[in-house]
Amino acid sequence: MPQRGRPRNESSRAAILEAAGALLREQGYEAATISAIAERAGVGRQTLYRRWPSKAALFADAVLDGAASLDATADPPHGSIPAWIERFAGILATPDSAALVRALTAAAAADADESEKLYAQLTRPAHAQLVALLAAAGAGGPADAELLADATVGALLFRALTRAPIDAGYTTRLARLALAGPPDPAEG
């Protein structure tokens, strides 16, 4: 079926995503408004709203396009579960990153395709890093390492989503729990 109306301008899309990324770096997620993005990109606000139903969806697209980043998986610490947890917690503890995580979560909840893309680009690589560290540390078998990574990443994301503090005491206790592994069912 042919598309109705004027075809979308890909250069406008690129300018919008670049403007969103630049404003995110300069001002943070909360301050990067739709109006400011439209002005920086040289388009009207309606152009943004025709493509993206919300600011969260726009930033999800900017992250997926590479114009904005969360930096959740770059330079992973090797061999140290506490260092991995501290680094991931440090990213989530900054107000701008936490706000972006909440926006990406909202975008993922609203759109299954967006959810899968965000998971593949952000969550899966970070999760895989932690699974490998846990497996290397002998935290049970592969299924246990996967379960412990789920619990660890989930605990950190829960803190970011609920705006609860992620302090050194919390990350130390979380690392201790992850290193201890799941309880043995035979000891039950």
N, C-alpha and C. Protein backbone atom coordinates (compact mmCIF):
# COMPACT_ATOMS: atom_id res chain seq x y z
N MET A 1 0.85 -1.17 0.00
CA MET A 1 0.00 0.00 0.00
C MET A 1 0.90 1.23 0.00
N PRO A 2 0.67 2.15 -0.92
CA PRO A 2 1.51 3.35 -0.97
C PRO A 2 1.29 4.23 0.25
N GLN A 3 2.38 4.89 0.67
CA GLN A 3 2.30 5.78 1.83
C GLN A 3 1.60 7.07 1.41
N ARG A 4 0.67 7.51 2.27
CA ARG A 4 -0.07 8.73 1.97
C ARG A 4 0.69 9.93 2.50
N GLY A 5 0.46 11.07 1.91
CA GLY A 5 1.08 12.30 2.38
C GLY A 5 2.49 12.47 1.88
N ARG A 6 3.12 13.47 2.42
CA ARG A 6 4.49 13.80 2.03
C ARG A 6 5.45 12.75 2.61
N PRO A 7 6.43 12.30 1.81
CA PRO A 7 7.38 11.32 2.35
C PRO A 7 8.23 11.95 3.47
N ARG A 8 8.63 11.11 4.40
CA ARG A 8 9.44 11.59 5.51
C ARG A 8 10.83 11.97 5.03
N ASN A 9 11.33 13.03 5.58
CA ASN A 9 12.64 13.54 5.22
C ASN A 9 13.68 12.92 6.16
N GLU A 10 14.53 12.07 5.61
CA GLU A 10 15.53 11.39 6.45
C GLU A 10 16.57 12.36 7.00
N SER A 11 16.84 13.46 6.29
CA SER A 11 17.80 14.42 6.83
C SER A 11 17.21 15.13 8.05
N SER A 12 15.89 15.35 8.06
CA SER A 12 15.24 15.93 9.24
C SER A 12 15.34 14.96 10.41
N ARG A 13 15.12 13.68 10.15
CA ARG A 13 15.21 12.66 11.20
C ARG A 13 16.61 12.66 11.81
N ALA A 14 17.61 12.67 10.95
CA ALA A 14 18.99 12.68 11.44
C ALA A 14 19.29 13.94 12.25
N ALA A 15 18.81 15.07 11.80
CA ALA A 15 19.03 16.33 12.52
C ALA A 15 18.34 16.31 13.88
N ILE A 16 17.15 15.73 13.92
CA ILE A 16 16.41 15.64 15.18
C ILE A 16 17.14 14.74 16.18
N LEU A 17 17.57 13.58 15.70
CA LEU A 17 18.27 12.64 16.59
C LEU A 17 19.59 13.24 17.08
N GLU A 18 20.29 13.92 16.20
CA GLU A 18 21.55 14.57 16.58
C GLU A 18 21.30 15.67 17.61
N ALA A 19 20.24 16.45 17.39
CA ALA A 19 19.88 17.51 18.35
C ALA A 19 19.52 16.92 19.70
N ALA A 20 18.78 15.83 19.69
CA ALA A 20 18.41 15.17 20.95
C ALA A 20 19.66 14.69 21.68
N GLY A 21 20.58 14.07 20.97
CA GLY A 21 21.82 13.60 21.58
C GLY A 21 22.66 14.74 22.13
N ALA A 22 22.76 15.82 21.36
CA ALA A 22 23.56 16.98 21.80
C ALA A 22 22.95 17.61 23.05
N LEU A 23 21.63 17.79 23.05
CA LEU A 23 20.98 18.38 24.23
C LEU A 23 21.08 17.46 25.45
N LEU A 24 21.03 16.16 25.21
CA LEU A 24 21.19 15.21 26.31
C LEU A 24 22.57 15.38 26.95
N ARG A 25 23.60 15.48 26.12
CA ARG A 25 24.97 15.64 26.64
C ARG A 25 25.15 17.00 27.32
N GLU A 26 24.53 18.03 26.79
CA GLU A 26 24.72 19.39 27.31
C GLU A 26 23.87 19.68 28.55
N GLN A 27 22.62 19.22 28.54
CA GLN A 27 21.67 19.64 29.57
C GLN A 27 21.07 18.51 30.38
N GLY A 28 21.17 17.28 29.90
CA GLY A 28 20.54 16.16 30.59
C GLY A 28 19.15 15.89 30.04
N TYR A 29 18.64 14.72 30.35
CA TYR A 29 17.36 14.28 29.80
C TYR A 29 16.20 15.19 30.18
N GLU A 30 16.09 15.52 31.46
CA GLU A 30 14.94 16.30 31.93
C GLU A 30 14.87 17.66 31.23
N ALA A 31 16.01 18.30 31.02
CA ALA A 31 16.03 19.65 30.43
C ALA A 31 15.91 19.62 28.90
N ALA A 32 16.15 18.51 28.29
CA ALA A 32 16.08 18.40 26.82
C ALA A 32 14.61 18.26 26.41
N THR A 33 13.96 19.38 26.20
CA THR A 33 12.53 19.37 25.86
C THR A 33 12.31 19.16 24.37
N ILE A 34 11.10 18.77 24.04
CA ILE A 34 10.72 18.63 22.63
C ILE A 34 10.91 19.95 21.90
N SER A 35 10.52 21.05 22.53
CA SER A 35 10.67 22.37 21.90
C SER A 35 12.14 22.69 21.62
N ALA A 36 13.00 22.40 22.60
CA ALA A 36 14.43 22.67 22.43
C ALA A 36 15.03 21.79 21.33
N ILE A 37 14.59 20.54 21.28
CA ILE A 37 15.09 19.63 20.24
C ILE A 37 14.65 20.12 18.87
N ALA A 38 13.38 20.48 18.75
CA ALA A 38 12.87 20.96 17.47
C ALA A 38 13.61 22.22 17.03
N GLU A 39 13.81 23.14 17.96
CA GLU A 39 14.52 24.38 17.63
C GLU A 39 15.94 24.09 17.16
N ARG A 40 16.65 23.24 17.91
CA ARG A 40 18.03 22.90 17.55
C ARG A 40 18.10 22.21 16.20
N ALA A 41 17.11 21.38 15.89
CA ALA A 41 17.11 20.64 14.62
C ALA A 41 16.58 21.47 13.46
N GLY A 42 15.98 22.62 13.78
CA GLY A 42 15.45 23.47 12.72
C GLY A 42 14.15 22.95 12.13
N VAL A 43 13.34 22.29 12.95
CA VAL A 43 12.04 21.77 12.50
C VAL A 43 10.97 22.21 13.49
N GLY A 44 9.72 22.02 13.11
CA GLY A 44 8.62 22.32 14.02
C GLY A 44 8.38 21.17 14.98
N ARG A 45 7.77 21.48 16.10
CA ARG A 45 7.47 20.43 17.10
C ARG A 45 6.59 19.34 16.50
N GLN A 46 5.66 19.73 15.62
CA GLN A 46 4.77 18.74 15.01
C GLN A 46 5.54 17.69 14.22
N THR A 47 6.67 18.08 13.65
CA THR A 47 7.50 17.12 12.92
C THR A 47 7.97 16.02 13.87
N LEU A 48 8.33 16.40 15.07
CA LEU A 48 8.75 15.41 16.06
C LEU A 48 7.58 14.53 16.47
N TYR A 49 6.45 15.15 16.76
CA TYR A 49 5.29 14.38 17.22
C TYR A 49 4.71 13.48 16.14
N ARG A 50 4.93 13.79 14.87
CA ARG A 50 4.48 12.89 13.81
C ARG A 50 5.30 11.60 13.79
N ARG A 51 6.56 11.70 14.16
CA ARG A 51 7.44 10.53 14.14
C ARG A 51 7.48 9.77 15.45
N TRP A 52 7.44 10.49 16.56
CA TRP A 52 7.60 9.88 17.87
C TRP A 52 6.43 10.28 18.76
N PRO A 53 5.77 9.32 19.40
CA PRO A 53 4.60 9.64 20.23
C PRO A 53 4.96 10.33 21.55
N SER A 54 6.24 10.28 21.91
CA SER A 54 6.64 10.86 23.20
C SER A 54 8.13 11.19 23.18
N LYS A 55 8.53 11.96 24.15
CA LYS A 55 9.94 12.29 24.32
C LYS A 55 10.75 11.01 24.59
N ALA A 56 10.17 10.10 25.37
CA ALA A 56 10.86 8.83 25.68
C ALA A 56 11.12 8.04 24.40
N ALA A 57 10.13 7.97 23.51
CA ALA A 57 10.30 7.24 22.25
C ALA A 57 11.37 7.90 21.38
N LEU A 58 11.39 9.22 21.37
CA LEU A 58 12.41 9.95 20.60
C LEU A 58 13.81 9.62 21.13
N PHE A 59 13.98 9.63 22.44
CA PHE A 59 15.30 9.34 23.00
C PHE A 59 15.68 7.87 22.82
N ALA A 60 14.70 6.98 22.86
CA ALA A 60 15.00 5.57 22.58
C ALA A 60 15.57 5.45 21.17
N ASP A 61 14.95 6.12 20.22
CA ASP A 61 15.43 6.11 18.84
C ASP A 61 16.83 6.73 18.75
N ALA A 62 17.05 7.82 19.50
CA ALA A 62 18.37 8.47 19.49
C ALA A 62 19.44 7.53 20.04
N VAL A 63 19.11 6.78 21.08
CA VAL A 63 20.06 5.81 21.65
C VAL A 63 20.33 4.70 20.63
N LEU A 64 19.27 4.17 20.03
CA LEU A 64 19.43 3.09 19.06
C LEU A 64 20.20 3.55 17.83
N ASP A 65 20.05 4.81 17.47
CA ASP A 65 20.74 5.37 16.30
C ASP A 65 22.19 5.74 16.60
N GLY A 66 22.55 5.80 17.88
CA GLY A 66 23.91 6.15 18.25
C GLY A 66 24.11 7.63 18.51
N ALA A 67 23.05 8.43 18.37
CA ALA A 67 23.17 9.88 18.62
C ALA A 67 23.23 10.20 20.10
N ALA A 68 22.70 9.31 20.92
CA ALA A 68 22.74 9.47 22.39
C ALA A 68 23.18 8.13 22.96
N SER A 69 23.81 8.16 24.12
CA SER A 69 24.24 6.88 24.69
C SER A 69 24.12 6.89 26.19
N LEU A 70 24.05 5.68 26.71
CA LEU A 70 24.01 5.46 28.14
C LEU A 70 25.36 4.97 28.63
N ASP A 71 26.19 4.47 27.71
CA ASP A 71 27.54 4.00 28.06
C ASP A 71 27.51 2.88 29.08
N ALA A 72 26.55 1.99 28.94
CA ALA A 72 26.40 0.91 29.93
C ALA A 72 27.36 -0.25 29.70
N THR A 73 27.94 -0.39 28.52
CA THR A 73 28.74 -1.58 28.26
C THR A 73 30.16 -1.29 27.81
N ALA A 74 30.55 -0.04 27.67
CA ALA A 74 31.91 0.27 27.21
C ALA A 74 32.92 -0.08 28.29
N ASP A 75 34.06 -0.56 27.88
CA ASP A 75 35.17 -0.88 28.77
C ASP A 75 34.75 -1.63 30.04
N PRO A 76 34.19 -2.84 29.87
CA PRO A 76 33.77 -3.56 31.06
C PRO A 76 34.97 -3.98 31.90
N PRO A 77 34.85 -3.93 33.22
CA PRO A 77 35.95 -4.44 34.05
C PRO A 77 36.01 -5.96 33.93
N HIS A 78 37.17 -6.50 33.76
CA HIS A 78 37.32 -7.94 33.61
C HIS A 78 37.74 -8.56 34.93
N GLY A 79 37.08 -9.64 35.29
CA GLY A 79 37.48 -10.42 36.46
C GLY A 79 37.00 -9.91 37.79
N SER A 80 36.25 -8.83 37.84
CA SER A 80 35.84 -8.28 39.12
C SER A 80 34.34 -7.99 39.13
N ILE A 81 33.61 -8.82 39.83
CA ILE A 81 32.17 -8.61 39.96
C ILE A 81 31.88 -7.32 40.73
N PRO A 82 32.55 -7.06 41.86
CA PRO A 82 32.29 -5.79 42.55
C PRO A 82 32.57 -4.57 41.66
N ALA A 83 33.64 -4.62 40.85
CA ALA A 83 33.95 -3.48 39.96
C ALA A 83 32.86 -3.32 38.91
N TRP A 84 32.34 -4.43 38.36
CA TRP A 84 31.27 -4.35 37.37
C TRP A 84 30.04 -3.71 38.00
N ILE A 85 29.68 -4.16 39.19
CA ILE A 85 28.50 -3.63 39.88
C ILE A 85 28.69 -2.16 40.19
N GLU A 86 29.87 -1.78 40.67
CA GLU A 86 30.14 -0.37 40.99
C GLU A 86 30.03 0.50 39.73
N ARG A 87 30.57 0.01 38.61
CA ARG A 87 30.53 0.79 37.37
C ARG A 87 29.11 0.96 36.87
N PHE A 88 28.36 -0.13 36.84
CA PHE A 88 26.97 -0.08 36.38
C PHE A 88 26.14 0.79 37.32
N ALA A 89 26.35 0.63 38.62
CA ALA A 89 25.63 1.45 39.60
C ALA A 89 26.00 2.92 39.44
N GLY A 90 27.27 3.20 39.16
CA GLY A 90 27.70 4.58 38.97
C GLY A 90 27.01 5.24 37.79
N ILE A 91 26.82 4.49 36.73
CA ILE A 91 26.09 5.02 35.57
C ILE A 91 24.64 5.31 35.95
N LEU A 92 24.02 4.37 36.64
CA LEU A 92 22.61 4.52 37.00
C LEU A 92 22.39 5.55 38.11
N ALA A 93 23.41 5.83 38.88
CA ALA A 93 23.25 6.75 40.01
C ALA A 93 23.28 8.22 39.59
N THR A 94 23.78 8.51 38.40
CA THR A 94 23.79 9.92 37.99
C THR A 94 22.38 10.32 37.58
N PRO A 95 21.93 11.50 37.98
CA PRO A 95 20.55 11.90 37.70
C PRO A 95 20.18 11.85 36.21
N ASP A 96 21.09 12.29 35.33
CA ASP A 96 20.77 12.28 33.91
C ASP A 96 20.64 10.86 33.36
N SER A 97 21.55 9.98 33.76
CA SER A 97 21.47 8.60 33.29
C SER A 97 20.23 7.91 33.86
N ALA A 98 19.93 8.14 35.13
CA ALA A 98 18.74 7.53 35.73
C ALA A 98 17.48 8.01 35.02
N ALA A 99 17.41 9.30 34.68
CA ALA A 99 16.25 9.82 33.96
C ALA A 99 16.15 9.18 32.58
N LEU A 100 17.29 9.01 31.91
CA LEU A 100 17.29 8.37 30.60
C LEU A 100 16.86 6.92 30.72
N VAL A 101 17.32 6.21 31.73
CA VAL A 101 16.92 4.81 31.95
C VAL A 101 15.41 4.73 32.15
N ARG A 102 14.85 5.64 32.94
CA ARG A 102 13.40 5.64 33.14
C ARG A 102 12.67 5.89 31.82
N ALA A 103 13.20 6.80 31.00
CA ALA A 103 12.58 7.09 29.70
C ALA A 103 12.68 5.89 28.77
N LEU A 104 13.83 5.25 28.74
CA LEU A 104 14.00 4.08 27.87
C LEU A 104 13.10 2.94 28.32
N THR A 105 12.91 2.80 29.62
CA THR A 105 12.00 1.78 30.15
C THR A 105 10.57 2.06 29.71
N ALA A 106 10.17 3.33 29.77
CA ALA A 106 8.82 3.71 29.33
C ALA A 106 8.66 3.43 27.83
N ALA A 107 9.67 3.77 27.05
CA ALA A 107 9.60 3.52 25.61
C ALA A 107 9.53 2.02 25.32
N ALA A 108 10.30 1.24 26.04
CA ALA A 108 10.29 -0.21 25.85
C ALA A 108 8.94 -0.81 26.24
N ALA A 109 8.34 -0.29 27.31
CA ALA A 109 7.04 -0.79 27.74
C ALA A 109 5.95 -0.46 26.74
N ALA A 110 6.10 0.64 26.02
CA ALA A 110 5.07 1.08 25.08
C ALA A 110 5.17 0.41 23.71
N ASP A 111 6.33 -0.17 23.38
CA ASP A 111 6.53 -0.68 22.02
C ASP A 111 7.41 -1.93 22.07
N ALA A 112 6.84 -3.07 21.67
CA ALA A 112 7.56 -4.34 21.74
C ALA A 112 8.81 -4.35 20.85
N ASP A 113 8.72 -3.77 19.66
CA ASP A 113 9.89 -3.73 18.77
C ASP A 113 11.00 -2.89 19.38
N GLU A 114 10.62 -1.74 19.92
CA GLU A 114 11.59 -0.86 20.57
C GLU A 114 12.22 -1.58 21.76
N SER A 115 11.41 -2.32 22.49
CA SER A 115 11.89 -3.07 23.65
C SER A 115 12.97 -4.06 23.24
N GLU A 116 12.72 -4.81 22.20
CA GLU A 116 13.70 -5.81 21.75
C GLU A 116 14.98 -5.14 21.27
N LYS A 117 14.85 -4.04 20.56
CA LYS A 117 16.04 -3.33 20.07
C LYS A 117 16.87 -2.77 21.23
N LEU A 118 16.20 -2.17 22.20
CA LEU A 118 16.91 -1.63 23.36
C LEU A 118 17.56 -2.74 24.16
N TYR A 119 16.85 -3.86 24.33
CA TYR A 119 17.42 -4.99 25.05
C TYR A 119 18.67 -5.50 24.33
N ALA A 120 18.58 -5.66 23.02
CA ALA A 120 19.71 -6.17 22.25
C ALA A 120 20.91 -5.24 22.31
N GLN A 121 20.67 -3.94 22.28
CA GLN A 121 21.78 -2.98 22.24
C GLN A 121 22.33 -2.64 23.61
N LEU A 122 21.49 -2.57 24.63
CA LEU A 122 21.96 -2.12 25.95
C LEU A 122 22.00 -3.22 27.00
N THR A 123 20.85 -3.80 27.27
CA THR A 123 20.76 -4.72 28.40
C THR A 123 21.47 -6.04 28.15
N ARG A 124 21.27 -6.64 26.98
CA ARG A 124 21.87 -7.95 26.71
C ARG A 124 23.39 -7.93 26.83
N PRO A 125 24.10 -6.96 26.23
CA PRO A 125 25.56 -6.96 26.36
C PRO A 125 26.03 -6.79 27.81
N ALA A 126 25.38 -5.89 28.55
CA ALA A 126 25.76 -5.69 29.95
C ALA A 126 25.48 -6.95 30.76
N HIS A 127 24.34 -7.56 30.52
CA HIS A 127 23.96 -8.79 31.22
C HIS A 127 24.96 -9.91 30.90
N ALA A 128 25.32 -10.03 29.62
CA ALA A 128 26.26 -11.08 29.20
C ALA A 128 27.62 -10.89 29.87
N GLN A 129 28.07 -9.64 30.02
CA GLN A 129 29.34 -9.38 30.71
C GLN A 129 29.28 -9.91 32.14
N LEU A 130 28.19 -9.62 32.82
CA LEU A 130 28.06 -10.05 34.21
C LEU A 130 27.93 -11.56 34.32
N VAL A 131 27.18 -12.19 33.42
CA VAL A 131 27.07 -13.65 33.42
C VAL A 131 28.46 -14.27 33.28
N ALA A 132 29.27 -13.75 32.38
CA ALA A 132 30.62 -14.29 32.17
C ALA A 132 31.47 -14.13 33.43
N LEU A 133 31.39 -12.97 34.08
CA LEU A 133 32.15 -12.75 35.31
C LEU A 133 31.70 -13.70 36.42
N LEU A 134 30.39 -13.88 36.55
CA LEU A 134 29.86 -14.76 37.59
C LEU A 134 30.24 -16.21 37.32
N ALA A 135 30.16 -16.62 36.06
CA ALA A 135 30.54 -17.99 35.70
C ALA A 135 32.02 -18.23 35.98
N ALA A 136 32.87 -17.25 35.63
CA ALA A 136 34.30 -17.37 35.87
C ALA A 136 34.62 -17.42 37.36
N ALA A 137 33.80 -16.75 38.16
CA ALA A 137 34.01 -16.75 39.61
C ALA A 137 33.47 -18.01 40.27
N GLY A 138 32.84 -18.88 39.47
CA GLY A 138 32.32 -20.13 40.01
C GLY A 138 31.01 -19.97 40.77
N ALA A 139 30.22 -18.99 40.38
CA ALA A 139 28.93 -18.76 41.06
C ALA A 139 27.90 -19.75 40.55
N GLY A 140 28.07 -21.02 40.91
CA GLY A 140 27.14 -22.06 40.47
C GLY A 140 27.39 -22.42 39.02
N GLY A 141 26.46 -23.13 38.43
CA GLY A 141 26.55 -23.50 37.03
C GLY A 141 26.08 -22.35 36.16
N PRO A 142 26.02 -22.59 34.83
CA PRO A 142 25.59 -21.53 33.90
C PRO A 142 24.19 -20.98 34.23
N ALA A 143 23.28 -21.85 34.64
CA ALA A 143 21.93 -21.37 34.97
C ALA A 143 21.98 -20.46 36.19
N ASP A 144 22.84 -20.80 37.16
CA ASP A 144 22.95 -19.97 38.35
C ASP A 144 23.58 -18.61 38.02
N ALA A 145 24.58 -18.60 37.16
CA ALA A 145 25.21 -17.34 36.76
C ALA A 145 24.19 -16.46 36.06
N GLU A 146 23.36 -17.05 35.23
CA GLU A 146 22.30 -16.30 34.53
C GLU A 146 21.30 -15.74 35.54
N LEU A 147 20.89 -16.56 36.48
CA LEU A 147 19.94 -16.13 37.52
C LEU A 147 20.53 -15.01 38.38
N LEU A 148 21.77 -15.15 38.77
CA LEU A 148 22.42 -14.13 39.58
C LEU A 148 22.58 -12.82 38.81
N ALA A 149 22.90 -12.91 37.53
CA ALA A 149 23.00 -11.70 36.70
C ALA A 149 21.63 -11.03 36.59
N ASP A 150 20.58 -11.83 36.37
CA ASP A 150 19.22 -11.27 36.33
C ASP A 150 18.92 -10.51 37.61
N ALA A 151 19.20 -11.14 38.74
CA ALA A 151 18.90 -10.53 40.03
C ALA A 151 19.72 -9.26 40.26
N THR A 152 20.98 -9.29 39.89
CA THR A 152 21.86 -8.15 40.11
C THR A 152 21.48 -6.96 39.23
N VAL A 153 21.33 -7.21 37.93
CA VAL A 153 20.93 -6.14 37.01
C VAL A 153 19.54 -5.63 37.39
N GLY A 154 18.65 -6.55 37.71
CA GLY A 154 17.29 -6.17 38.11
C GLY A 154 17.28 -5.30 39.35
N ALA A 155 18.11 -5.64 40.33
CA ALA A 155 18.17 -4.85 41.56
C ALA A 155 18.65 -3.43 41.27
N LEU A 156 19.66 -3.31 40.42
CA LEU A 156 20.19 -1.98 40.09
C LEU A 156 19.18 -1.16 39.28
N LEU A 157 18.54 -1.80 38.31
CA LEU A 157 17.54 -1.08 37.52
C LEU A 157 16.33 -0.70 38.38
N PHE A 158 15.94 -1.57 39.30
CA PHE A 158 14.84 -1.24 40.22
C PHE A 158 15.17 0.02 41.01
N ARG A 159 16.39 0.11 41.50
CA ARG A 159 16.80 1.31 42.24
C ARG A 159 16.71 2.56 41.36
N ALA A 160 17.16 2.45 40.12
CA ALA A 160 17.10 3.60 39.22
C ALA A 160 15.66 3.99 38.90
N LEU A 161 14.82 2.99 38.68
CA LEU A 161 13.43 3.27 38.31
C LEU A 161 12.63 3.86 39.47
N THR A 162 12.97 3.46 40.69
CA THR A 162 12.22 3.95 41.84
C THR A 162 12.89 5.14 42.51
N ARG A 163 13.99 5.60 41.91
CA ARG A 163 14.74 6.76 42.42
C ARG A 163 15.31 6.51 43.82
N ALA A 164 15.53 5.26 44.13
CA ALA A 164 16.15 4.90 45.41
C ALA A 164 17.67 5.08 45.27
N PRO A 165 18.33 5.43 46.36
CA PRO A 165 19.78 5.65 46.26
C PRO A 165 20.53 4.35 45.95
N ILE A 166 21.61 4.52 45.21
CA ILE A 166 22.51 3.40 44.91
C ILE A 166 23.86 3.82 45.49
N ASP A 167 24.05 3.55 46.76
CA ASP A 167 25.29 3.97 47.41
C ASP A 167 26.27 2.81 47.52
N ALA A 168 27.46 3.12 48.02
CA ALA A 168 28.52 2.11 48.12
C ALA A 168 28.12 0.95 49.01
N GLY A 169 27.40 1.22 50.08
CA GLY A 169 26.95 0.14 50.96
C GLY A 169 26.03 -0.83 50.23
N TYR A 170 25.14 -0.29 49.42
CA TYR A 170 24.20 -1.13 48.67
C TYR A 170 24.96 -1.98 47.66
N THR A 171 25.88 -1.37 46.90
CA THR A 171 26.60 -2.13 45.88
C THR A 171 27.51 -3.17 46.51
N THR A 172 28.07 -2.87 47.67
CA THR A 172 28.91 -3.86 48.36
C THR A 172 28.08 -5.06 48.78
N ARG A 173 26.91 -4.80 49.34
CA ARG A 173 26.03 -5.91 49.75
C ARG A 173 25.55 -6.70 48.54
N LEU A 174 25.26 -6.01 47.45
CA LEU A 174 24.81 -6.68 46.23
C LEU A 174 25.91 -7.56 45.66
N ALA A 175 27.14 -7.07 45.65
CA ALA A 175 28.26 -7.86 45.15
C ALA A 175 28.48 -9.09 46.03
N ARG A 176 28.38 -8.89 47.33
CA ARG A 176 28.55 -10.02 48.26
C ARG A 176 27.49 -11.09 47.99
N LEU A 177 26.26 -10.66 47.78
CA LEU A 177 25.17 -11.60 47.49
C LEU A 177 25.41 -12.31 46.16
N ALA A 178 25.83 -11.58 45.14
CA ALA A 178 26.08 -12.20 43.83
C ALA A 178 27.22 -13.21 43.91
N LEU A 179 28.27 -12.87 44.65
CA LEU A 179 29.41 -13.80 44.79
C LEU A 179 29.07 -15.03 45.61
N ALA A 180 28.11 -14.89 46.53
CA ALA A 180 27.72 -16.03 47.37
C ALA A 180 26.95 -17.06 46.55
N GLY A 181 26.29 -16.61 45.49
CA GLY A 181 25.53 -17.53 44.65
C GLY A 181 24.20 -17.88 45.29
N PRO A 182 23.36 -18.58 44.53
CA PRO A 182 22.05 -18.95 45.06
C PRO A 182 22.20 -20.05 46.11
N PRO A 183 21.24 -20.14 47.02
CA PRO A 183 21.32 -21.18 48.04
C PRO A 183 21.17 -22.57 47.41
N ASP A 184 21.80 -23.52 48.02
CA ASP A 184 21.71 -24.91 47.56
C ASP A 184 20.36 -25.47 47.99
N PRO A 185 19.53 -25.97 47.04
CA PRO A 185 18.22 -26.48 47.40
C PRO A 185 18.29 -27.66 48.37
N ALA A 186 19.41 -28.42 48.33
CA ALA A 186 19.56 -29.56 49.21
C ALA A 186 19.71 -29.12 50.67
N GLU A 187 20.17 -27.86 50.87
CA GLU A 187 20.34 -27.37 52.23
C GLU A 187 19.03 -26.87 52.80
N GLY A 188 18.02 -26.66 51.92
CA GLY A 188 16.73 -26.10 52.19
C GLY A 188 16.10 -26.26 53.44
